[in-house]
Amino acid sequence: IAHSRGQKTAQQLLYDVFPLHIANTLKAGEKVEPEHHDCVTIYFSDIVGFTNISSSLPPLKVMNLLDRLYLRFDELARAHDLFKVET
């Protein structure tokens, strides 16, 4: 069961990190060909004052705050057909 759970986690990570078609290609053991995109935007974000905010709230409230924020980012990415990479 642990092996199965580990495989599921590895597969989920693959799909979280790469666009669907690339994850599928990698999963199939095939070579991923480079792609050209005419327009690409890279967006970096930061939560201003996060250290102060997180130090003044209980851990559960910090987790809820981050969860709501990232869920909203995910919704926006899906609505606009964007691929989001988290670092």
Protein backbone atom coordinates (compact mmCIF):
# COMPACT_ATOMS: atom_id res chain seq x y z
CA ILE A 1 0.00 0.00 0.00
CA ALA A 2 2.86 2.41 0.81
CA HIS A 3 4.33 1.85 -2.66
CA SER A 4 0.94 2.56 -4.25
CA ARG A 5 0.50 5.70 -2.16
CA GLY A 6 4.02 6.85 -3.11
CA GLN A 7 3.29 6.29 -6.80
CA LYS A 8 0.08 8.30 -6.52
CA THR A 9 1.95 11.13 -4.81
CA ALA A 10 4.68 11.09 -7.49
CA GLN A 11 2.07 11.14 -10.26
CA GLN A 12 0.17 13.99 -8.63
CA LEU A 13 3.41 15.94 -8.31
CA LEU A 14 4.07 15.36 -12.02
CA TYR A 15 0.65 16.80 -12.89
CA ASP A 16 1.07 19.68 -10.43
CA VAL A 17 4.43 20.73 -11.88
CA PHE A 18 3.85 20.28 -15.61
CA PRO A 19 1.04 21.06 -18.05
CA LEU A 20 -1.18 18.03 -18.70
CA HIS A 21 0.24 17.14 -22.12
CA ILE A 22 3.83 17.28 -20.86
CA ALA A 23 3.02 15.24 -17.73
CA ASN A 24 1.33 12.61 -19.91
CA THR A 25 4.35 12.49 -22.23
CA LEU A 26 6.76 12.09 -19.31
CA LYS A 27 4.56 9.46 -17.69
CA ALA A 28 4.61 7.50 -20.95
CA GLY A 29 8.43 7.63 -20.90
CA GLU A 30 8.57 9.66 -24.08
CA LYS A 31 10.80 12.60 -24.96
CA VAL A 32 9.28 16.04 -24.43
CA GLU A 33 9.83 18.24 -27.43
CA PRO A 34 10.53 21.96 -26.92
CA GLU A 35 7.61 24.28 -27.60
CA HIS A 36 7.43 27.82 -28.92
CA HIS A 37 4.97 30.34 -27.52
CA ASP A 38 4.50 33.76 -29.10
CA CYS A 39 3.56 35.38 -25.82
CA VAL A 40 4.52 34.36 -22.30
CA THR A 41 3.98 36.19 -19.03
CA ILE A 42 5.83 35.40 -15.84
CA TYR A 43 4.21 36.66 -12.66
CA PHE A 44 5.93 36.70 -9.30
CA SER A 45 3.98 37.54 -6.19
CA ASP A 46 4.72 38.24 -2.58
CA ILE A 47 2.51 38.76 0.43
CA VAL A 48 3.67 42.09 1.81
CA GLY A 49 3.95 41.94 5.59
CA PHE A 50 3.51 38.15 5.69
CA THR A 51 6.03 37.73 8.50
CA ASN A 52 4.17 40.21 10.69
CA ILE A 53 0.77 38.81 9.72
CA SER A 54 1.77 35.21 10.37
CA SER A 55 3.46 36.01 13.67
CA SER A 56 0.30 37.65 14.99
CA LEU A 57 -2.13 34.87 14.01
CA PRO A 58 -2.57 31.29 15.19
CA PRO A 59 -1.13 28.74 12.72
CA LEU A 60 -4.60 27.53 11.68
CA LYS A 61 -5.64 31.05 10.67
CA VAL A 62 -2.42 31.47 8.66
CA MET A 63 -3.12 28.17 6.88
CA ASN A 64 -6.71 29.22 6.15
CA LEU A 65 -5.54 32.58 4.81
CA LEU A 66 -3.02 30.94 2.48
CA ASP A 67 -5.50 28.27 1.44
CA ARG A 68 -8.10 30.87 0.44
CA LEU A 69 -5.49 32.90 -1.42
CA TYR A 70 -4.14 29.95 -3.40
CA LEU A 71 -7.60 28.59 -4.15
CA ARG A 72 -8.46 31.97 -5.66
CA PHE A 73 -5.26 31.96 -7.73
CA ASP A 74 -6.16 28.44 -8.94
CA GLU A 75 -9.67 29.60 -9.90
CA LEU A 76 -8.28 32.54 -11.86
CA ALA A 77 -5.72 30.34 -13.61
CA ARG A 78 -8.43 27.87 -14.67
CA ALA A 79 -10.79 30.65 -15.77
CA HIS A 80 -8.11 32.14 -18.02
CA ASP A 81 -6.61 28.82 -19.16
CA LEU A 82 -3.25 29.60 -17.57
CA PHE A 83 -0.59 27.20 -16.39
CA LYS A 84 0.62 28.04 -12.90
CA VAL A 85 3.97 26.97 -11.48
CA GLU A 86 4.56 27.32 -7.77
CA THR A 87 8.04 27.69 -6.37
